[in-house]
Amino acid sequence: MAIKFQYNKTSLQHLDKQLKVRKRALPTLKNKESALRSEVKRAKDKAATLEEEFDKEWNKYTYMVKLWGEFDQSLIRVEDVVLSSKKIAGVLTPLLDEVKFSIAPYNPFTAPMWFADGIEILRSLATIGINRAVWLRKMELLEFARKKTTQKVNLYEKVQIPGFEEAMKKIKRFLEDEENLSKSAQKIVKTRQEEEAQV
């Protein structure tokens, strides 16, 4: 990215101001990137833990596969998922507050005895699955923000800060050269005037 500038003191001051802003922001951005990286890892680990928990719970009931064919799936359904949000390093992320289920009325005397347990099993599995999905979404949001922050850190560190410094050097050299030329021209004029005055 080429930095546009003019060879004058105003441009030099503007570049200096921009450089200071970036140098002040860089440590904050690096801290944010580090915090986001650790939060992404934490969310990923939590999602993996919930997946293991889901698999463990699911495997407890695989022996009942034939019974699940008899289960009336319309008895339980997810009515609402209540989420709140929490800011982590400036990123709004979801938090699972509650999963609300609606349970259809059924006659416990005519339905198989295990239907009540089946409803609780499905409630538990659904809650774990939804919580895992929330953590995965949280991880995606944090990872996206982390990538953006990393890009900004790299832009500042590798492109803009060196670019501003180089542009400032060029302007300073130009102004010094211009000043030296001006002084030399003044000396030449002064010397000529002195020579003319002696003649």
N, C-alpha and C. Protein backbone atom coordinates (compact mmCIF):
# COMPACT_ATOMS: atom_id res chain seq x y z
N MET A 1 0.85 -1.18 0.00
CA MET A 1 0.00 0.00 0.00
C MET A 1 0.89 1.24 0.00
N ALA A 2 0.84 2.00 -1.06
CA ALA A 2 1.63 3.22 -1.15
C ALA A 2 0.94 4.32 -0.36
N ILE A 3 1.73 5.00 0.44
CA ILE A 3 1.18 6.09 1.25
C ILE A 3 1.33 7.38 0.46
N LYS A 4 0.24 8.10 0.32
CA LYS A 4 0.24 9.35 -0.44
C LYS A 4 0.66 10.50 0.48
N PHE A 5 1.59 11.29 -0.01
CA PHE A 5 2.05 12.43 0.77
C PHE A 5 2.61 13.49 -0.15
N GLN A 6 2.81 14.67 0.42
CA GLN A 6 3.42 15.77 -0.31
C GLN A 6 4.70 16.15 0.41
N TYR A 7 5.60 16.75 -0.31
CA TYR A 7 6.89 17.13 0.28
C TYR A 7 6.79 18.49 0.95
N ASN A 8 6.08 18.53 2.09
CA ASN A 8 5.99 19.78 2.86
C ASN A 8 5.79 19.47 4.34
N LYS A 9 5.91 20.50 5.17
CA LYS A 9 5.84 20.30 6.62
C LYS A 9 4.44 19.88 7.08
N THR A 10 3.40 20.34 6.41
CA THR A 10 2.03 19.97 6.78
C THR A 10 1.83 18.46 6.59
N SER A 11 2.30 17.96 5.48
CA SER A 11 2.20 16.53 5.21
C SER A 11 3.01 15.73 6.23
N LEU A 12 4.18 16.25 6.59
CA LEU A 12 5.03 15.60 7.59
C LEU A 12 4.31 15.52 8.94
N GLN A 13 3.67 16.62 9.34
CA GLN A 13 2.93 16.62 10.60
C GLN A 13 1.76 15.64 10.56
N HIS A 14 1.06 15.61 9.43
CA HIS A 14 -0.07 14.69 9.27
C HIS A 14 0.40 13.23 9.39
N LEU A 15 1.48 12.90 8.71
CA LEU A 15 2.03 11.53 8.77
C LEU A 15 2.49 11.18 10.18
N ASP A 16 3.11 12.16 10.84
CA ASP A 16 3.57 11.93 12.21
C ASP A 16 2.40 11.62 13.14
N LYS A 17 1.32 12.36 12.96
CA LYS A 17 0.10 12.14 13.78
C LYS A 17 -0.46 10.74 13.51
N GLN A 18 -0.54 10.36 12.23
CA GLN A 18 -1.06 9.03 11.87
C GLN A 18 -0.16 7.92 12.43
N LEU A 19 1.13 8.13 12.38
CA LEU A 19 2.08 7.14 12.89
C LEU A 19 1.91 6.96 14.40
N LYS A 20 1.77 8.06 15.13
CA LYS A 20 1.59 7.98 16.58
C LYS A 20 0.30 7.25 16.94
N VAL A 21 -0.77 7.51 16.19
CA VAL A 21 -2.06 6.84 16.44
C VAL A 21 -1.87 5.32 16.30
N ARG A 22 -1.20 4.91 15.23
CA ARG A 22 -1.01 3.47 14.98
C ARG A 22 -0.09 2.83 16.01
N LYS A 23 0.95 3.54 16.39
CA LYS A 23 1.88 2.99 17.39
C LYS A 23 1.21 2.85 18.76
N ARG A 24 0.31 3.79 19.07
CA ARG A 24 -0.42 3.70 20.34
C ARG A 24 -1.46 2.57 20.31
N ALA A 25 -2.07 2.36 19.13
CA ALA A 25 -3.13 1.35 19.01
C ALA A 25 -2.58 -0.07 18.92
N LEU A 26 -1.36 -0.23 18.45
CA LEU A 26 -0.80 -1.56 18.21
C LEU A 26 -0.77 -2.47 19.44
N PRO A 27 -0.30 -2.00 20.62
CA PRO A 27 -0.30 -2.89 21.79
C PRO A 27 -1.72 -3.33 22.19
N THR A 28 -2.67 -2.42 22.07
CA THR A 28 -4.06 -2.75 22.40
C THR A 28 -4.59 -3.81 21.45
N LEU A 29 -4.30 -3.65 20.17
CA LEU A 29 -4.74 -4.63 19.17
C LEU A 29 -4.10 -6.00 19.42
N LYS A 30 -2.83 -5.99 19.80
CA LYS A 30 -2.15 -7.27 20.08
C LYS A 30 -2.77 -7.96 21.29
N ASN A 31 -3.11 -7.16 22.31
CA ASN A 31 -3.76 -7.73 23.50
C ASN A 31 -5.13 -8.30 23.14
N LYS A 32 -5.86 -7.56 22.30
CA LYS A 32 -7.18 -8.03 21.87
C LYS A 32 -7.05 -9.34 21.09
N GLU A 33 -6.07 -9.39 20.21
CA GLU A 33 -5.85 -10.60 19.41
C GLU A 33 -5.54 -11.79 20.32
N SER A 34 -4.70 -11.56 21.31
CA SER A 34 -4.33 -12.62 22.25
C SER A 34 -5.55 -13.09 23.06
N ALA A 35 -6.34 -12.13 23.52
CA ALA A 35 -7.55 -12.47 24.29
C ALA A 35 -8.53 -13.26 23.43
N LEU A 36 -8.71 -12.81 22.19
CA LEU A 36 -9.63 -13.51 21.28
C LEU A 36 -9.12 -14.93 20.98
N ARG A 37 -7.82 -15.06 20.79
CA ARG A 37 -7.25 -16.39 20.51
C ARG A 37 -7.55 -17.36 21.67
N SER A 38 -7.35 -16.89 22.90
CA SER A 38 -7.60 -17.77 24.06
C SER A 38 -9.10 -18.06 24.21
N GLU A 39 -9.95 -17.08 23.89
CA GLU A 39 -11.40 -17.31 23.98
C GLU A 39 -11.88 -18.28 22.89
N VAL A 40 -11.28 -18.19 21.70
CA VAL A 40 -11.63 -19.14 20.62
C VAL A 40 -11.29 -20.55 21.07
N LYS A 41 -10.10 -20.70 21.68
CA LYS A 41 -9.68 -22.03 22.14
C LYS A 41 -10.62 -22.54 23.23
N ARG A 42 -11.00 -21.64 24.13
CA ARG A 42 -11.90 -22.04 25.22
C ARG A 42 -13.26 -22.47 24.67
N ALA A 43 -13.78 -21.73 23.70
CA ALA A 43 -15.07 -22.07 23.09
C ALA A 43 -14.98 -23.40 22.33
N LYS A 44 -13.87 -23.60 21.64
CA LYS A 44 -13.67 -24.84 20.88
C LYS A 44 -13.59 -26.03 21.83
N ASP A 45 -12.85 -25.86 22.93
CA ASP A 45 -12.74 -26.94 23.93
C ASP A 45 -14.09 -27.25 24.56
N LYS A 46 -14.86 -26.20 24.86
CA LYS A 46 -16.18 -26.39 25.47
C LYS A 46 -17.11 -27.12 24.51
N ALA A 47 -17.08 -26.76 23.23
CA ALA A 47 -17.91 -27.43 22.22
C ALA A 47 -17.52 -28.90 22.09
N ALA A 48 -16.21 -29.17 22.14
CA ALA A 48 -15.73 -30.56 22.06
C ALA A 48 -16.16 -31.36 23.29
N THR A 49 -16.10 -30.73 24.46
CA THR A 49 -16.54 -31.38 25.70
C THR A 49 -18.03 -31.72 25.61
N LEU A 50 -18.82 -30.76 25.12
CA LEU A 50 -20.26 -30.99 25.00
C LEU A 50 -20.55 -32.09 23.98
N GLU A 51 -19.75 -32.16 22.91
CA GLU A 51 -19.95 -33.23 21.93
C GLU A 51 -19.66 -34.59 22.55
N GLU A 52 -18.57 -34.66 23.33
CA GLU A 52 -18.25 -35.91 24.03
C GLU A 52 -19.36 -36.29 25.00
N GLU A 53 -19.86 -35.29 25.72
CA GLU A 53 -20.96 -35.53 26.68
C GLU A 53 -22.20 -36.04 25.95
N PHE A 54 -22.50 -35.44 24.79
CA PHE A 54 -23.65 -35.87 24.00
C PHE A 54 -23.48 -37.33 23.55
N ASP A 55 -22.29 -37.62 23.02
CA ASP A 55 -22.02 -39.00 22.56
C ASP A 55 -22.12 -39.99 23.70
N LYS A 56 -21.60 -39.61 24.86
CA LYS A 56 -21.65 -40.49 26.04
C LYS A 56 -23.10 -40.76 26.44
N GLU A 57 -23.90 -39.67 26.48
CA GLU A 57 -25.32 -39.82 26.82
C GLU A 57 -26.05 -40.66 25.77
N TRP A 58 -25.76 -40.40 24.51
CA TRP A 58 -26.42 -41.12 23.43
C TRP A 58 -26.10 -42.62 23.51
N ASN A 59 -24.83 -42.92 23.77
CA ASN A 59 -24.41 -44.33 23.84
C ASN A 59 -25.02 -45.07 25.02
N LYS A 60 -25.42 -44.35 26.05
CA LYS A 60 -26.10 -44.99 27.20
C LYS A 60 -27.41 -45.63 26.77
N TYR A 61 -28.02 -45.06 25.73
CA TYR A 61 -29.37 -45.49 25.37
C TYR A 61 -29.43 -46.24 24.04
N THR A 62 -28.30 -46.60 23.49
CA THR A 62 -28.32 -47.32 22.20
C THR A 62 -28.96 -48.70 22.33
N TYR A 63 -28.90 -49.27 23.53
CA TYR A 63 -29.53 -50.58 23.72
C TYR A 63 -31.05 -50.49 23.57
N MET A 64 -31.60 -49.26 23.65
CA MET A 64 -33.05 -49.08 23.57
C MET A 64 -33.51 -48.72 22.16
N VAL A 65 -32.66 -48.91 21.16
CA VAL A 65 -32.98 -48.48 19.80
C VAL A 65 -34.34 -48.98 19.34
N LYS A 66 -34.65 -50.22 19.62
CA LYS A 66 -35.93 -50.79 19.17
C LYS A 66 -37.12 -50.09 19.85
N LEU A 67 -36.93 -49.72 21.10
CA LEU A 67 -38.01 -49.04 21.82
C LEU A 67 -38.29 -47.64 21.26
N TRP A 68 -37.23 -46.96 20.79
CA TRP A 68 -37.40 -45.61 20.27
C TRP A 68 -38.32 -45.60 19.05
N GLY A 69 -38.42 -46.72 18.36
CA GLY A 69 -39.36 -46.82 17.24
C GLY A 69 -40.80 -46.66 17.70
N GLU A 70 -41.10 -47.06 18.94
CA GLU A 70 -42.46 -46.95 19.50
C GLU A 70 -42.74 -45.55 20.06
N PHE A 71 -41.68 -44.79 20.33
CA PHE A 71 -41.85 -43.50 21.00
C PHE A 71 -42.58 -42.51 20.10
N ASP A 72 -43.54 -41.83 20.68
CA ASP A 72 -44.31 -40.81 19.96
C ASP A 72 -43.50 -39.51 19.94
N GLN A 73 -42.94 -39.20 18.80
CA GLN A 73 -42.04 -38.04 18.69
C GLN A 73 -42.75 -36.71 18.85
N SER A 74 -44.05 -36.71 18.74
CA SER A 74 -44.79 -35.45 18.88
C SER A 74 -45.00 -35.08 20.35
N LEU A 75 -44.55 -35.93 21.27
CA LEU A 75 -44.74 -35.64 22.71
C LEU A 75 -43.88 -34.48 23.20
N ILE A 76 -42.71 -34.34 22.65
CA ILE A 76 -41.80 -33.28 23.13
C ILE A 76 -41.23 -32.52 21.94
N ARG A 77 -41.19 -31.22 22.11
CA ARG A 77 -40.54 -30.40 21.08
C ARG A 77 -39.95 -29.17 21.75
N VAL A 78 -38.95 -28.62 21.09
CA VAL A 78 -38.31 -27.40 21.61
C VAL A 78 -39.22 -26.23 21.26
N GLU A 79 -39.67 -25.55 22.30
CA GLU A 79 -40.58 -24.43 22.10
C GLU A 79 -39.80 -23.13 21.90
N ASP A 80 -38.74 -22.95 22.69
CA ASP A 80 -37.99 -21.71 22.61
C ASP A 80 -36.58 -21.93 23.16
N VAL A 81 -35.63 -21.22 22.58
CA VAL A 81 -34.26 -21.21 23.09
C VAL A 81 -33.99 -19.77 23.53
N VAL A 82 -33.78 -19.60 24.82
CA VAL A 82 -33.57 -18.27 25.38
C VAL A 82 -32.07 -18.00 25.43
N LEU A 83 -31.67 -16.97 24.69
CA LEU A 83 -30.25 -16.60 24.64
C LEU A 83 -30.06 -15.20 25.21
N SER A 84 -28.91 -14.99 25.78
CA SER A 84 -28.51 -13.63 26.15
C SER A 84 -27.18 -13.41 25.43
N SER A 85 -26.60 -12.25 25.61
CA SER A 85 -25.33 -12.01 24.94
C SER A 85 -24.33 -11.44 25.92
N LYS A 86 -23.07 -11.68 25.60
CA LYS A 86 -21.98 -11.22 26.45
C LYS A 86 -20.88 -10.70 25.54
N LYS A 87 -20.30 -9.57 25.89
CA LYS A 87 -19.19 -9.03 25.10
C LYS A 87 -17.89 -9.62 25.59
N ILE A 88 -17.14 -10.16 24.64
CA ILE A 88 -15.81 -10.67 24.93
C ILE A 88 -14.85 -9.95 24.00
N ALA A 89 -13.96 -9.17 24.57
CA ALA A 89 -12.99 -8.38 23.80
C ALA A 89 -13.68 -7.58 22.69
N GLY A 90 -14.82 -7.00 23.02
CA GLY A 90 -15.53 -6.16 22.06
C GLY A 90 -16.42 -6.91 21.08
N VAL A 91 -16.53 -8.24 21.24
CA VAL A 91 -17.33 -9.05 20.32
C VAL A 91 -18.56 -9.55 21.07
N LEU A 92 -19.74 -9.29 20.52
CA LEU A 92 -20.99 -9.75 21.12
C LEU A 92 -21.17 -11.23 20.83
N THR A 93 -21.21 -12.06 21.88
CA THR A 93 -21.33 -13.51 21.70
C THR A 93 -22.58 -14.03 22.42
N PRO A 94 -23.15 -15.12 21.92
CA PRO A 94 -24.38 -15.65 22.54
C PRO A 94 -24.07 -16.50 23.78
N LEU A 95 -25.03 -16.50 24.69
CA LEU A 95 -24.99 -17.35 25.88
C LEU A 95 -26.34 -18.05 26.00
N LEU A 96 -26.31 -19.33 26.26
CA LEU A 96 -27.57 -20.07 26.42
C LEU A 96 -28.07 -19.88 27.83
N ASP A 97 -29.27 -19.32 27.96
CA ASP A 97 -29.89 -19.16 29.28
C ASP A 97 -30.78 -20.34 29.60
N GLU A 98 -31.62 -20.71 28.61
CA GLU A 98 -32.62 -21.74 28.90
C GLU A 98 -33.17 -22.31 27.59
N VAL A 99 -33.49 -23.60 27.65
CA VAL A 99 -34.18 -24.23 26.53
C VAL A 99 -35.56 -24.59 27.04
N LYS A 100 -36.60 -24.04 26.40
CA LYS A 100 -37.97 -24.32 26.84
C LYS A 100 -38.56 -25.41 25.95
N PHE A 101 -39.13 -26.40 26.57
CA PHE A 101 -39.75 -27.51 25.85
C PHE A 101 -41.25 -27.47 26.07
N SER A 102 -41.99 -27.95 25.09
CA SER A 102 -43.41 -28.15 25.30
C SER A 102 -43.65 -29.66 25.23
N ILE A 103 -44.36 -30.14 26.21
CA ILE A 103 -44.64 -31.58 26.29
C ILE A 103 -46.14 -31.77 26.09
N ALA A 104 -46.45 -32.54 25.08
CA ALA A 104 -47.85 -32.79 24.76
C ALA A 104 -48.44 -33.72 25.83
N PRO A 105 -49.72 -33.51 26.13
CA PRO A 105 -50.34 -34.40 27.13
C PRO A 105 -50.46 -35.83 26.58
N TYR A 106 -50.21 -36.77 27.46
CA TYR A 106 -50.38 -38.19 27.10
C TYR A 106 -50.87 -38.93 28.33
N ASN A 107 -51.47 -40.05 28.10
CA ASN A 107 -52.03 -40.84 29.20
C ASN A 107 -50.95 -41.80 29.70
N PRO A 108 -50.45 -41.59 30.92
CA PRO A 108 -49.39 -42.44 31.43
C PRO A 108 -49.86 -43.90 31.67
N PHE A 109 -51.20 -44.10 31.73
CA PHE A 109 -51.70 -45.46 31.98
C PHE A 109 -51.74 -46.30 30.71
N THR A 110 -51.95 -45.62 29.56
CA THR A 110 -52.02 -46.38 28.30
C THR A 110 -50.70 -46.36 27.54
N ALA A 111 -49.88 -45.34 27.76
CA ALA A 111 -48.57 -45.25 27.09
C ALA A 111 -47.58 -46.17 27.82
N PRO A 112 -46.55 -46.61 27.11
CA PRO A 112 -45.53 -47.43 27.78
C PRO A 112 -44.92 -46.68 28.96
N MET A 113 -44.50 -47.45 29.95
CA MET A 113 -43.97 -46.87 31.20
C MET A 113 -42.74 -45.99 30.97
N TRP A 114 -41.96 -46.34 30.00
CA TRP A 114 -40.69 -45.64 29.81
C TRP A 114 -40.82 -44.31 29.06
N PHE A 115 -42.05 -43.92 28.65
CA PHE A 115 -42.23 -42.66 27.92
C PHE A 115 -41.77 -41.45 28.76
N ALA A 116 -42.05 -41.46 30.07
CA ALA A 116 -41.63 -40.35 30.94
C ALA A 116 -40.11 -40.25 30.96
N ASP A 117 -39.44 -41.40 31.06
CA ASP A 117 -37.97 -41.40 31.02
C ASP A 117 -37.49 -40.96 29.64
N GLY A 118 -38.18 -41.41 28.59
CA GLY A 118 -37.81 -41.04 27.22
C GLY A 118 -37.87 -39.54 27.01
N ILE A 119 -38.89 -38.91 27.58
CA ILE A 119 -39.03 -37.46 27.46
C ILE A 119 -37.84 -36.76 28.14
N GLU A 120 -37.47 -37.25 29.33
CA GLU A 120 -36.33 -36.66 30.05
C GLU A 120 -35.02 -36.88 29.29
N ILE A 121 -34.87 -38.07 28.72
CA ILE A 121 -33.66 -38.37 27.94
C ILE A 121 -33.56 -37.42 26.75
N LEU A 122 -34.66 -37.25 26.02
CA LEU A 122 -34.65 -36.35 24.86
C LEU A 122 -34.42 -34.91 25.27
N ARG A 123 -34.99 -34.52 26.39
CA ARG A 123 -34.79 -33.16 26.89
C ARG A 123 -33.30 -32.92 27.19
N SER A 124 -32.70 -33.89 27.86
CA SER A 124 -31.28 -33.79 28.20
C SER A 124 -30.41 -33.74 26.94
N LEU A 125 -30.66 -34.64 25.99
CA LEU A 125 -29.87 -34.68 24.76
C LEU A 125 -30.04 -33.40 23.94
N ALA A 126 -31.27 -32.91 23.85
CA ALA A 126 -31.53 -31.68 23.09
C ALA A 126 -30.83 -30.49 23.72
N THR A 127 -30.87 -30.40 25.04
CA THR A 127 -30.22 -29.29 25.75
C THR A 127 -28.72 -29.30 25.50
N ILE A 128 -28.12 -30.49 25.59
CA ILE A 128 -26.67 -30.60 25.33
C ILE A 128 -26.36 -30.21 23.88
N GLY A 129 -27.15 -30.70 22.95
CA GLY A 129 -26.93 -30.40 21.53
C GLY A 129 -27.08 -28.91 21.23
N ILE A 130 -28.10 -28.28 21.80
CA ILE A 130 -28.32 -26.85 21.56
C ILE A 130 -27.19 -26.03 22.20
N ASN A 131 -26.78 -26.42 23.39
CA ASN A 131 -25.68 -25.72 24.07
C ASN A 131 -24.40 -25.83 23.24
N ARG A 132 -24.16 -26.99 22.68
CA ARG A 132 -22.98 -27.18 21.82
C ARG A 132 -23.06 -26.26 20.59
N ALA A 133 -24.25 -26.18 19.98
CA ALA A 133 -24.43 -25.31 18.81
C ALA A 133 -24.16 -23.84 19.17
N VAL A 134 -24.58 -23.43 20.37
CA VAL A 134 -24.35 -22.05 20.82
C VAL A 134 -22.84 -21.80 20.98
N TRP A 135 -22.13 -22.77 21.58
CA TRP A 135 -20.69 -22.62 21.76
C TRP A 135 -19.96 -22.60 20.41
N LEU A 136 -20.44 -23.40 19.45
CA LEU A 136 -19.83 -23.39 18.12
C LEU A 136 -20.03 -22.03 17.45
N ARG A 137 -21.22 -21.46 17.60
CA ARG A 137 -21.50 -20.13 17.03
C ARG A 137 -20.61 -19.08 17.69
N LYS A 138 -20.47 -19.20 19.01
CA LYS A 138 -19.62 -18.28 19.75
C LYS A 138 -18.18 -18.37 19.22
N MET A 139 -17.72 -19.60 18.98
CA MET A 139 -16.38 -19.83 18.46
C MET A 139 -16.22 -19.18 17.08
N GLU A 140 -17.23 -19.34 16.22
CA GLU A 140 -17.18 -18.75 14.87
C GLU A 140 -17.07 -17.23 14.94
N LEU A 141 -17.89 -16.62 15.79
CA LEU A 141 -17.88 -15.16 15.91
C LEU A 141 -16.53 -14.66 16.43
N LEU A 142 -16.00 -15.34 17.44
CA LEU A 142 -14.71 -14.95 18.02
C LEU A 142 -13.58 -15.17 17.02
N GLU A 143 -13.64 -16.27 16.27
CA GLU A 143 -12.60 -16.56 15.28
C GLU A 143 -12.61 -15.51 14.17
N PHE A 144 -13.80 -15.10 13.73
CA PHE A 144 -13.91 -14.07 12.70
C PHE A 144 -13.29 -12.76 13.20
N ALA A 145 -13.62 -12.39 14.44
CA ALA A 145 -13.07 -11.15 15.02
C ALA A 145 -11.56 -11.27 15.20
N ARG A 146 -11.09 -12.45 15.58
CA ARG A 146 -9.64 -12.66 15.76
C ARG A 146 -8.91 -12.49 14.42
N LYS A 147 -9.48 -13.06 13.36
CA LYS A 147 -8.85 -12.92 12.04
C LYS A 147 -8.77 -11.46 11.62
N LYS A 148 -9.86 -10.73 11.83
CA LYS A 148 -9.89 -9.31 11.48
C LYS A 148 -8.84 -8.53 12.28
N THR A 149 -8.74 -8.85 13.57
CA THR A 149 -7.77 -8.17 14.43
C THR A 149 -6.35 -8.51 14.00
N THR A 150 -6.10 -9.77 13.66
CA THR A 150 -4.78 -10.18 13.18
C THR A 150 -4.42 -9.44 11.90
N GLN A 151 -5.40 -9.31 11.00
CA GLN A 151 -5.16 -8.57 9.76
C GLN A 151 -4.78 -7.11 10.06
N LYS A 152 -5.48 -6.52 11.02
CA LYS A 152 -5.21 -5.11 11.36
C LYS A 152 -3.82 -4.97 12.00
N VAL A 153 -3.47 -5.93 12.88
CA VAL A 153 -2.14 -5.91 13.50
C VAL A 153 -1.07 -6.01 12.42
N ASN A 154 -1.25 -6.95 11.50
CA ASN A 154 -0.27 -7.12 10.42
C ASN A 154 -0.21 -5.88 9.53
N LEU A 155 -1.37 -5.29 9.24
CA LEU A 155 -1.41 -4.08 8.42
C LEU A 155 -0.61 -2.97 9.09
N TYR A 156 -0.85 -2.76 10.38
CA TYR A 156 -0.14 -1.72 11.11
C TYR A 156 1.35 -2.03 11.18
N GLU A 157 1.67 -3.25 11.62
CA GLU A 157 3.06 -3.64 11.88
C GLU A 157 3.91 -3.72 10.61
N LYS A 158 3.36 -4.34 9.58
CA LYS A 158 4.17 -4.67 8.42
C LYS A 158 4.00 -3.70 7.25
N VAL A 159 2.92 -2.92 7.25
CA VAL A 159 2.69 -2.05 6.10
C VAL A 159 2.65 -0.58 6.51
N GLN A 160 1.70 -0.21 7.35
CA GLN A 160 1.47 1.21 7.58
C GLN A 160 2.57 1.88 8.40
N ILE A 161 2.95 1.29 9.52
CA ILE A 161 3.98 1.94 10.36
C ILE A 161 5.30 2.09 9.58
N PRO A 162 5.80 1.00 8.94
CA PRO A 162 7.02 1.20 8.14
C PRO A 162 6.81 2.17 6.97
N GLY A 163 5.62 2.14 6.38
CA GLY A 163 5.32 3.05 5.27
C GLY A 163 5.33 4.51 5.69
N PHE A 164 4.70 4.79 6.84
CA PHE A 164 4.68 6.17 7.34
C PHE A 164 6.10 6.62 7.70
N GLU A 165 6.88 5.72 8.34
CA GLU A 165 8.25 6.07 8.72
C GLU A 165 9.08 6.38 7.47
N GLU A 166 8.95 5.55 6.44
CA GLU A 166 9.69 5.76 5.19
C GLU A 166 9.29 7.06 4.52
N ALA A 167 7.98 7.34 4.48
CA ALA A 167 7.49 8.58 3.87
C ALA A 167 8.01 9.80 4.63
N MET A 168 8.04 9.69 5.97
CA MET A 168 8.54 10.80 6.78
C MET A 168 10.03 11.04 6.52
N LYS A 169 10.80 9.95 6.36
CA LYS A 169 12.23 10.09 6.05
C LYS A 169 12.41 10.82 4.72
N LYS A 170 11.61 10.43 3.73
CA LYS A 170 11.72 11.06 2.41
C LYS A 170 11.40 12.55 2.49
N ILE A 171 10.34 12.88 3.23
CA ILE A 171 9.95 14.29 3.36
C ILE A 171 11.06 15.07 4.08
N LYS A 172 11.61 14.49 5.16
CA LYS A 172 12.67 15.18 5.93
C LYS A 172 13.90 15.40 5.06
N ARG A 173 14.29 14.36 4.29
CA ARG A 173 15.44 14.50 3.40
C ARG A 173 15.19 15.61 2.37
N PHE A 174 13.99 15.58 1.80
CA PHE A 174 13.65 16.59 0.79
C PHE A 174 13.72 18.00 1.39
N LEU A 175 13.11 18.16 2.59
CA LEU A 175 13.11 19.48 3.22
C LEU A 175 14.53 19.92 3.59
N GLU A 176 15.37 18.97 4.05
CA GLU A 176 16.76 19.29 4.38
C GLU A 176 17.52 19.71 3.11
N ASP A 177 17.31 18.93 2.03
CA ASP A 177 17.97 19.26 0.76
C ASP A 177 17.53 20.64 0.27
N GLU A 178 16.23 20.89 0.38
CA GLU A 178 15.70 22.18 -0.05
C GLU A 178 16.30 23.32 0.77
N GLU A 179 16.42 23.08 2.10
CA GLU A 179 16.99 24.10 3.00
C GLU A 179 18.48 24.33 2.66
N ASN A 180 19.20 23.22 2.40
CA ASN A 180 20.62 23.35 2.05
C ASN A 180 20.80 24.10 0.73
N LEU A 181 19.94 23.79 -0.25
CA LEU A 181 20.00 24.50 -1.53
C LEU A 181 19.72 25.98 -1.34
N SER A 182 18.75 26.27 -0.51
CA SER A 182 18.38 27.65 -0.25
C SER A 182 19.55 28.40 0.41
N LYS A 183 20.19 27.75 1.38
CA LYS A 183 21.34 28.37 2.06
C LYS A 183 22.49 28.57 1.08
N SER A 184 22.72 27.56 0.23
CA SER A 184 23.80 27.67 -0.76
C SER A 184 23.51 28.81 -1.72
N ALA A 185 22.26 28.91 -2.16
CA ALA A 185 21.88 29.98 -3.09
C ALA A 185 22.07 31.33 -2.42
N GLN A 186 21.72 31.43 -1.15
CA GLN A 186 21.88 32.70 -0.42
C GLN A 186 23.36 33.07 -0.30
N LYS A 187 24.20 32.05 -0.05
CA LYS A 187 25.64 32.31 0.06
C LYS A 187 26.20 32.81 -1.26
N ILE A 188 25.76 32.17 -2.35
CA ILE A 188 26.23 32.56 -3.68
C ILE A 188 25.82 34.01 -3.97
N VAL A 189 24.56 34.33 -3.68
CA VAL A 189 24.06 35.69 -3.92
C VAL A 189 24.84 36.68 -3.06
N LYS A 190 25.08 36.32 -1.78
CA LYS A 190 25.79 37.19 -0.85
C LYS A 190 27.22 37.42 -1.34
N THR A 191 27.87 36.31 -1.78
CA THR A 191 29.24 36.41 -2.28
C THR A 191 29.30 37.31 -3.50
N ARG A 192 28.38 37.17 -4.44
CA ARG A 192 28.32 38.02 -5.64
C ARG A 192 28.13 39.49 -5.28
N GLN A 193 27.21 39.71 -4.31
CA GLN A 193 26.95 41.09 -3.90
C GLN A 193 28.20 41.73 -3.28
N GLU A 194 28.91 40.91 -2.47
CA GLU A 194 30.12 41.41 -1.84
C GLU A 194 31.19 41.73 -2.90
N GLU A 195 31.28 40.83 -3.91
CA GLU A 195 32.26 41.03 -5.01
C GLU A 195 31.90 42.28 -5.80
N GLU A 196 30.64 42.50 -6.06
CA GLU A 196 30.18 43.66 -6.81
C GLU A 196 30.41 44.94 -6.02
N ALA A 197 30.25 44.85 -4.70
CA ALA A 197 30.43 46.01 -3.85
C ALA A 197 31.90 46.41 -3.79
N GLN A 198 32.83 45.47 -3.90
CA GLN A 198 34.26 45.73 -3.86
C GLN A 198 34.74 46.34 -5.17
N VAL A 199 34.09 46.06 -6.27
CA VAL A 199 34.52 46.58 -7.56
C VAL A 199 34.09 47.98 -7.78
